[in-house]
């Protein structure tokens, strides 16, 4: 599977995230309706960048933007907090990908007046290698 698919599977398995968004974690660009909230969308914003050692390519780095959407600002903040708990500092495996580190950085709040949706954006920098093992 792709890193994105494995990442989504991992997030869906996190009790705190699933309690708030259910299965509503989707790639960016899938338009949300109010009855589909709260939800998380994600998109690749940088990478993958290859890191090299004396033995050649050793691992990769990507950055994903996660948008936590909700009908209220408090709900968007709660979803982002569960996302942070699930991702920040994570090391382990997602499917066939060995995750060396995951760090959340950027935080940005937004309100879309035309849709009435609140959003808290988080950026995650992920260092990984494949296959795991």
N, C-alpha and C. Protein backbone atom coordinates (compact mmCIF):
# COMPACT_ATOMS: atom_id res chain seq x y z
N UNK A 1 0.84 -1.19 0.00
CA UNK A 1 0.00 0.00 0.00
C UNK A 1 0.88 1.24 0.00
N UNK A 2 0.29 2.35 -0.37
CA UNK A 2 1.01 3.62 -0.35
C UNK A 2 1.14 4.13 1.07
N UNK A 3 2.07 5.05 1.27
CA UNK A 3 2.22 5.68 2.59
C UNK A 3 0.90 6.34 2.98
N UNK A 4 0.25 7.03 2.05
CA UNK A 4 -1.02 7.69 2.36
C UNK A 4 -2.07 6.70 2.85
N UNK A 5 -2.21 5.58 2.16
CA UNK A 5 -3.20 4.58 2.56
C UNK A 5 -2.87 4.01 3.93
N UNK A 6 -1.59 3.72 4.17
CA UNK A 6 -1.18 3.20 5.48
C UNK A 6 -1.37 4.24 6.57
N UNK A 7 -1.12 5.50 6.27
CA UNK A 7 -1.31 6.58 7.24
C UNK A 7 -2.80 6.69 7.61
N UNK A 8 -3.66 6.66 6.60
CA UNK A 8 -5.10 6.74 6.84
C UNK A 8 -5.57 5.55 7.68
N UNK A 9 -5.11 4.35 7.36
CA UNK A 9 -5.47 3.16 8.12
C UNK A 9 -5.05 3.31 9.58
N UNK A 10 -3.83 3.80 9.80
CA UNK A 10 -3.34 4.02 11.16
C UNK A 10 -4.25 5.01 11.90
N UNK A 11 -4.58 6.14 11.27
CA UNK A 11 -5.41 7.15 11.93
C UNK A 11 -6.81 6.62 12.24
N UNK A 12 -7.37 5.84 11.33
CA UNK A 12 -8.71 5.28 11.57
C UNK A 12 -8.71 4.32 12.76
N UNK A 13 -7.56 3.73 13.07
CA UNK A 13 -7.45 2.79 14.18
C UNK A 13 -7.21 3.48 15.53
N UNK A 14 -7.02 4.79 15.52
CA UNK A 14 -6.77 5.52 16.77
C UNK A 14 -8.11 5.89 17.41
N UNK A 15 -8.35 5.38 18.59
CA UNK A 15 -9.66 5.52 19.24
C UNK A 15 -10.10 6.98 19.37
N UNK A 16 -9.20 7.86 19.77
CA UNK A 16 -9.57 9.26 19.97
C UNK A 16 -9.97 9.95 18.68
N UNK A 17 -9.25 9.65 17.62
CA UNK A 17 -9.57 10.22 16.30
C UNK A 17 -10.89 9.65 15.81
N UNK A 18 -11.02 8.33 15.85
CA UNK A 18 -12.22 7.66 15.35
C UNK A 18 -13.46 8.08 16.14
N UNK A 19 -13.31 8.33 17.43
CA UNK A 19 -14.47 8.75 18.23
C UNK A 19 -15.04 10.07 17.74
N UNK A 20 -14.20 10.93 17.19
CA UNK A 20 -14.66 12.23 16.72
C UNK A 20 -15.03 12.25 15.24
N UNK A 21 -14.25 11.58 14.40
CA UNK A 21 -14.49 11.69 12.95
C UNK A 21 -15.01 10.40 12.31
N UNK A 22 -15.08 9.31 13.06
CA UNK A 22 -15.51 8.05 12.46
C UNK A 22 -14.56 7.65 11.36
N UNK A 23 -15.06 7.48 10.16
CA UNK A 23 -14.23 7.13 9.01
C UNK A 23 -14.03 8.32 8.08
N UNK A 24 -14.38 9.52 8.52
CA UNK A 24 -14.31 10.70 7.67
C UNK A 24 -12.90 11.30 7.64
N UNK A 25 -11.96 10.53 7.11
CA UNK A 25 -10.59 10.98 6.86
C UNK A 25 -10.37 10.75 5.38
N UNK A 26 -10.20 11.82 4.62
CA UNK A 26 -10.12 11.68 3.17
C UNK A 26 -9.12 12.63 2.56
N UNK A 27 -8.69 12.30 1.34
CA UNK A 27 -7.77 13.20 0.64
C UNK A 27 -8.39 14.58 0.43
N UNK A 28 -7.54 15.59 0.43
CA UNK A 28 -7.97 16.96 0.19
C UNK A 28 -8.68 17.06 -1.15
N UNK A 29 -9.66 17.91 -1.23
CA UNK A 29 -10.37 18.10 -2.48
C UNK A 29 -11.73 17.44 -2.48
N UNK A 30 -11.96 16.54 -1.53
CA UNK A 30 -13.29 15.92 -1.40
C UNK A 30 -14.14 16.89 -0.58
N UNK A 31 -15.03 17.58 -1.22
CA UNK A 31 -15.82 18.62 -0.57
C UNK A 31 -16.67 18.07 0.55
N UNK A 32 -16.67 18.75 1.67
CA UNK A 32 -17.42 18.30 2.84
C UNK A 32 -18.76 19.02 2.93
N UNK A 33 -19.75 18.32 3.40
CA UNK A 33 -21.05 18.91 3.71
C UNK A 33 -21.18 18.95 5.23
N UNK A 34 -22.04 19.81 5.72
CA UNK A 34 -22.20 19.95 7.17
C UNK A 34 -22.56 18.64 7.86
N UNK A 35 -23.31 17.77 7.20
CA UNK A 35 -23.70 16.52 7.83
C UNK A 35 -22.57 15.49 7.84
N UNK A 36 -21.42 15.83 7.27
CA UNK A 36 -20.26 14.94 7.25
C UNK A 36 -19.16 15.45 8.18
N UNK A 37 -19.53 16.16 9.23
CA UNK A 37 -18.55 16.75 10.14
C UNK A 37 -18.67 16.12 11.51
N UNK A 38 -17.62 16.17 12.30
CA UNK A 38 -16.28 16.65 11.93
C UNK A 38 -15.58 15.66 11.01
N UNK A 39 -14.53 16.14 10.37
CA UNK A 39 -13.78 15.33 9.42
C UNK A 39 -12.35 15.85 9.31
N UNK A 40 -11.49 15.01 8.75
CA UNK A 40 -10.11 15.39 8.48
C UNK A 40 -9.85 15.18 7.00
N UNK A 41 -9.26 16.18 6.36
CA UNK A 41 -8.75 16.00 5.01
C UNK A 41 -7.23 16.16 5.07
N UNK A 42 -6.55 15.55 4.11
CA UNK A 42 -5.08 15.64 4.08
C UNK A 42 -4.60 15.81 2.65
N UNK A 43 -3.43 16.42 2.54
CA UNK A 43 -2.79 16.54 1.23
C UNK A 43 -1.28 16.62 1.41
N UNK A 44 -0.58 16.09 0.43
CA UNK A 44 0.87 16.15 0.40
C UNK A 44 1.28 17.58 0.06
N UNK A 45 2.16 18.17 0.87
CA UNK A 45 2.62 19.54 0.59
C UNK A 45 4.10 19.62 0.29
N UNK A 46 4.86 18.57 0.60
CA UNK A 46 6.30 18.54 0.26
C UNK A 46 6.79 17.11 0.26
N UNK A 47 7.66 16.83 -0.70
CA UNK A 47 8.31 15.53 -0.75
C UNK A 47 7.63 14.60 -1.72
N UNK A 48 8.03 13.35 -1.75
CA UNK A 48 9.04 12.81 -0.85
C UNK A 48 10.45 13.24 -1.23
N UNK A 49 11.23 13.53 -0.22
CA UNK A 49 12.63 13.87 -0.36
C UNK A 49 13.44 12.66 0.10
N UNK A 50 14.42 12.26 -0.68
CA UNK A 50 15.24 11.11 -0.35
C UNK A 50 16.45 11.55 0.47
N UNK A 51 16.73 10.82 1.54
CA UNK A 51 17.93 11.03 2.34
C UNK A 51 18.92 9.94 1.99
N UNK A 52 20.19 10.30 1.87
CA UNK A 52 21.22 9.35 1.46
C UNK A 52 22.25 9.15 2.55
N UNK A 53 22.80 7.93 2.56
CA UNK A 53 23.95 7.61 3.41
C UNK A 53 25.02 7.04 2.48
N UNK A 54 26.10 6.56 3.05
CA UNK A 54 27.16 5.97 2.24
C UNK A 54 26.68 4.72 1.48
N UNK A 55 25.62 4.13 1.95
CA UNK A 55 25.06 2.94 1.31
C UNK A 55 23.97 3.26 0.29
N UNK A 56 23.74 4.54 0.02
CA UNK A 56 22.69 4.93 -0.93
C UNK A 56 21.48 5.51 -0.21
N UNK A 57 20.32 5.41 -0.87
CA UNK A 57 19.09 5.95 -0.30
C UNK A 57 18.77 5.22 1.00
N UNK A 58 18.55 5.98 2.06
CA UNK A 58 18.31 5.36 3.36
C UNK A 58 16.89 5.57 3.86
N UNK A 59 16.33 6.73 3.64
CA UNK A 59 14.96 6.97 4.06
C UNK A 59 14.41 8.18 3.32
N UNK A 60 13.16 8.49 3.62
CA UNK A 60 12.45 9.53 2.91
C UNK A 60 11.77 10.47 3.90
N UNK A 61 11.45 11.66 3.42
CA UNK A 61 10.73 12.62 4.24
C UNK A 61 9.62 13.23 3.40
N UNK A 62 8.44 13.34 4.00
CA UNK A 62 7.30 14.00 3.37
C UNK A 62 6.66 14.93 4.39
N UNK A 63 5.92 15.89 3.89
CA UNK A 63 5.10 16.75 4.74
C UNK A 63 3.66 16.68 4.26
N UNK A 64 2.77 16.45 5.18
CA UNK A 64 1.34 16.43 4.89
C UNK A 64 0.65 17.54 5.65
N UNK A 65 -0.32 18.14 5.00
CA UNK A 65 -1.19 19.11 5.65
C UNK A 65 -2.46 18.38 6.03
N UNK A 66 -2.85 18.48 7.29
CA UNK A 66 -4.10 17.92 7.77
C UNK A 66 -5.03 19.07 8.11
N UNK A 67 -6.23 19.03 7.58
CA UNK A 67 -7.24 20.03 7.89
C UNK A 67 -8.33 19.37 8.71
N UNK A 68 -8.53 19.88 9.92
CA UNK A 68 -9.55 19.35 10.82
C UNK A 68 -10.78 20.24 10.71
N UNK A 69 -11.84 19.73 10.11
CA UNK A 69 -13.05 20.48 9.79
C UNK A 69 -14.15 20.19 10.78
N UNK A 70 -14.91 21.23 11.13
CA UNK A 70 -16.02 21.04 12.06
C UNK A 70 -17.01 22.19 11.93
N UNK A 71 -18.14 22.02 12.60
CA UNK A 71 -19.17 23.05 12.61
C UNK A 71 -18.94 24.12 13.65
N UNK A 72 -18.03 23.85 14.62
CA UNK A 72 -17.68 24.85 15.64
C UNK A 72 -16.16 24.88 15.79
N UNK A 73 -15.67 25.99 16.28
CA UNK A 73 -14.22 26.09 16.49
C UNK A 73 -13.75 25.11 17.57
N UNK A 74 -14.53 24.93 18.62
CA UNK A 74 -14.15 24.00 19.68
C UNK A 74 -14.03 22.58 19.16
N UNK A 75 -14.92 22.19 18.28
CA UNK A 75 -14.88 20.84 17.71
C UNK A 75 -13.66 20.66 16.81
N UNK A 76 -13.33 21.68 16.01
CA UNK A 76 -12.14 21.62 15.14
C UNK A 76 -10.88 21.50 15.98
N UNK A 77 -10.83 22.24 17.09
CA UNK A 77 -9.68 22.19 17.99
C UNK A 77 -9.58 20.80 18.64
N UNK A 78 -10.70 20.21 19.02
CA UNK A 78 -10.70 18.88 19.63
C UNK A 78 -10.20 17.82 18.65
N UNK A 79 -10.62 17.90 17.40
CA UNK A 79 -10.16 16.94 16.39
C UNK A 79 -8.65 17.09 16.19
N UNK A 80 -8.18 18.34 16.10
CA UNK A 80 -6.74 18.59 15.93
C UNK A 80 -5.94 18.07 17.12
N UNK A 81 -6.50 18.17 18.32
CA UNK A 81 -5.80 17.67 19.51
C UNK A 81 -5.67 16.15 19.45
N UNK A 82 -6.70 15.46 19.00
CA UNK A 82 -6.61 13.99 18.86
C UNK A 82 -5.63 13.61 17.75
N UNK A 83 -5.61 14.38 16.68
CA UNK A 83 -4.65 14.14 15.60
C UNK A 83 -3.23 14.30 16.14
N UNK A 84 -3.00 15.32 16.95
CA UNK A 84 -1.68 15.54 17.53
C UNK A 84 -1.29 14.37 18.43
N UNK A 85 -2.22 13.90 19.25
CA UNK A 85 -1.94 12.76 20.12
C UNK A 85 -1.54 11.54 19.30
N UNK A 86 -2.22 11.34 18.17
CA UNK A 86 -1.96 10.16 17.33
C UNK A 86 -0.64 10.25 16.57
N UNK A 87 -0.25 11.47 16.16
CA UNK A 87 0.90 11.60 15.25
C UNK A 87 2.18 12.16 15.87
N UNK A 88 2.07 13.15 16.72
CA UNK A 88 3.26 13.87 17.16
C UNK A 88 4.20 12.97 17.96
N UNK A 89 5.41 12.81 17.45
CA UNK A 89 6.40 11.97 18.11
C UNK A 89 6.26 10.49 17.80
N UNK A 90 5.36 10.12 16.91
CA UNK A 90 5.13 8.71 16.61
C UNK A 90 6.34 8.07 15.93
N UNK A 91 6.65 6.85 16.36
CA UNK A 91 7.64 5.97 15.74
C UNK A 91 7.04 4.58 15.74
N UNK A 92 7.18 3.88 14.64
CA UNK A 92 6.61 2.53 14.57
C UNK A 92 6.42 2.13 13.13
N UNK A 93 5.36 1.41 12.84
CA UNK A 93 5.10 1.00 11.47
C UNK A 93 3.67 1.35 11.07
N UNK A 94 3.53 1.66 9.81
CA UNK A 94 2.22 1.81 9.16
C UNK A 94 2.28 0.86 7.97
N UNK A 95 1.65 -0.27 8.06
CA UNK A 95 1.70 -1.25 6.98
C UNK A 95 3.14 -1.65 6.71
N UNK A 96 3.60 -1.48 5.47
CA UNK A 96 4.96 -1.82 5.08
C UNK A 96 5.96 -0.68 5.28
N UNK A 97 5.53 0.39 5.89
CA UNK A 97 6.40 1.56 6.07
C UNK A 97 6.88 1.66 7.52
N UNK A 98 8.19 1.76 7.68
CA UNK A 98 8.77 1.97 9.01
C UNK A 98 8.85 3.48 9.22
N UNK A 99 8.16 3.97 10.22
CA UNK A 99 8.12 5.40 10.52
C UNK A 99 9.20 5.70 11.55
N UNK A 100 10.19 6.48 11.14
CA UNK A 100 11.29 6.84 12.04
C UNK A 100 10.91 7.98 12.97
N UNK A 101 10.11 8.91 12.48
CA UNK A 101 9.64 10.02 13.31
C UNK A 101 8.52 10.75 12.59
N UNK A 102 7.64 11.30 13.38
CA UNK A 102 6.56 12.14 12.89
C UNK A 102 6.44 13.33 13.83
N UNK A 103 6.51 14.52 13.26
CA UNK A 103 6.43 15.73 14.08
C UNK A 103 5.39 16.67 13.50
N UNK A 104 4.55 17.21 14.36
CA UNK A 104 3.58 18.20 13.93
C UNK A 104 4.15 19.58 14.16
N UNK A 105 3.95 20.46 13.20
CA UNK A 105 4.49 21.81 13.33
C UNK A 105 3.38 22.84 13.21
N UNK A 106 3.17 23.37 12.06
CA UNK A 106 2.28 24.49 11.82
C UNK A 106 0.89 24.28 12.42
N UNK A 107 0.35 25.36 12.99
CA UNK A 107 -1.03 25.41 13.44
C UNK A 107 -1.64 26.66 12.85
N UNK A 108 -2.79 26.52 12.22
CA UNK A 108 -3.47 27.66 11.63
C UNK A 108 -4.97 27.45 11.76
N UNK A 109 -5.67 28.46 12.26
CA UNK A 109 -7.12 28.40 12.37
C UNK A 109 -7.75 29.22 11.25
N UNK A 110 -8.90 28.75 10.77
CA UNK A 110 -9.57 29.41 9.67
C UNK A 110 -11.07 29.22 9.82
N UNK A 111 -11.83 30.15 9.26
CA UNK A 111 -13.28 30.05 9.21
C UNK A 111 -13.70 30.41 7.80
N UNK A 112 -14.50 29.55 7.19
CA UNK A 112 -15.01 29.80 5.85
C UNK A 112 -16.41 30.39 5.97
N UNK A 113 -16.52 31.67 5.76
CA UNK A 113 -17.80 32.35 5.93
C UNK A 113 -18.86 31.81 4.97
N UNK A 114 -18.46 31.46 3.75
CA UNK A 114 -19.45 31.00 2.77
C UNK A 114 -20.03 29.63 3.09
N UNK A 115 -19.27 28.78 3.80
CA UNK A 115 -19.76 27.45 4.16
C UNK A 115 -20.11 27.33 5.64
N UNK A 116 -19.60 28.25 6.46
CA UNK A 116 -19.82 28.18 7.89
C UNK A 116 -19.00 27.11 8.57
N UNK A 117 -17.91 26.67 7.90
CA UNK A 117 -17.06 25.62 8.46
C UNK A 117 -15.84 26.21 9.15
N UNK A 118 -15.47 25.58 10.26
CA UNK A 118 -14.24 25.93 10.98
C UNK A 118 -13.18 24.90 10.63
N UNK A 119 -11.92 25.37 10.60
CA UNK A 119 -10.82 24.48 10.24
C UNK A 119 -9.61 24.80 11.10
N UNK A 120 -8.98 23.77 11.61
CA UNK A 120 -7.66 23.90 12.22
C UNK A 120 -6.71 23.07 11.39
N UNK A 121 -5.70 23.72 10.83
CA UNK A 121 -4.70 23.09 9.98
C UNK A 121 -3.51 22.68 10.84
N UNK A 122 -3.01 21.48 10.58
CA UNK A 122 -1.77 20.99 11.19
C UNK A 122 -0.89 20.41 10.09
N UNK A 123 0.40 20.68 10.18
CA UNK A 123 1.35 20.08 9.24
C UNK A 123 2.16 19.03 9.95
N UNK A 124 2.32 17.88 9.30
CA UNK A 124 3.11 16.78 9.86
C UNK A 124 4.28 16.47 8.95
N UNK A 125 5.48 16.43 9.53
CA UNK A 125 6.69 16.02 8.81
C UNK A 125 6.97 14.57 9.20
N UNK A 126 7.02 13.71 8.19
CA UNK A 126 7.13 12.27 8.43
C UNK A 126 8.40 11.74 7.77
N UNK A 127 9.23 11.07 8.57
CA UNK A 127 10.45 10.41 8.09
C UNK A 127 10.15 8.91 8.08
N UNK A 128 10.38 8.27 6.93
CA UNK A 128 10.02 6.85 6.84
C UNK A 128 10.96 6.12 5.89
N UNK A 129 10.90 4.79 6.00
CA UNK A 129 11.58 3.92 5.05
C UNK A 129 10.64 2.76 4.74
N UNK A 130 10.94 2.08 3.65
CA UNK A 130 10.12 0.97 3.25
C UNK A 130 11.00 -0.06 2.57
N UNK A 131 10.80 -1.32 2.68
CA UNK A 131 9.76 -1.93 3.50
C UNK A 131 10.17 -1.98 4.97
N UNK A 132 9.18 -2.13 5.83
CA UNK A 132 9.44 -2.26 7.26
C UNK A 132 10.14 -3.60 7.50
N UNK A 133 10.94 -3.58 8.55
CA UNK A 133 11.54 -4.87 8.87
C UNK A 133 12.94 -4.82 9.26
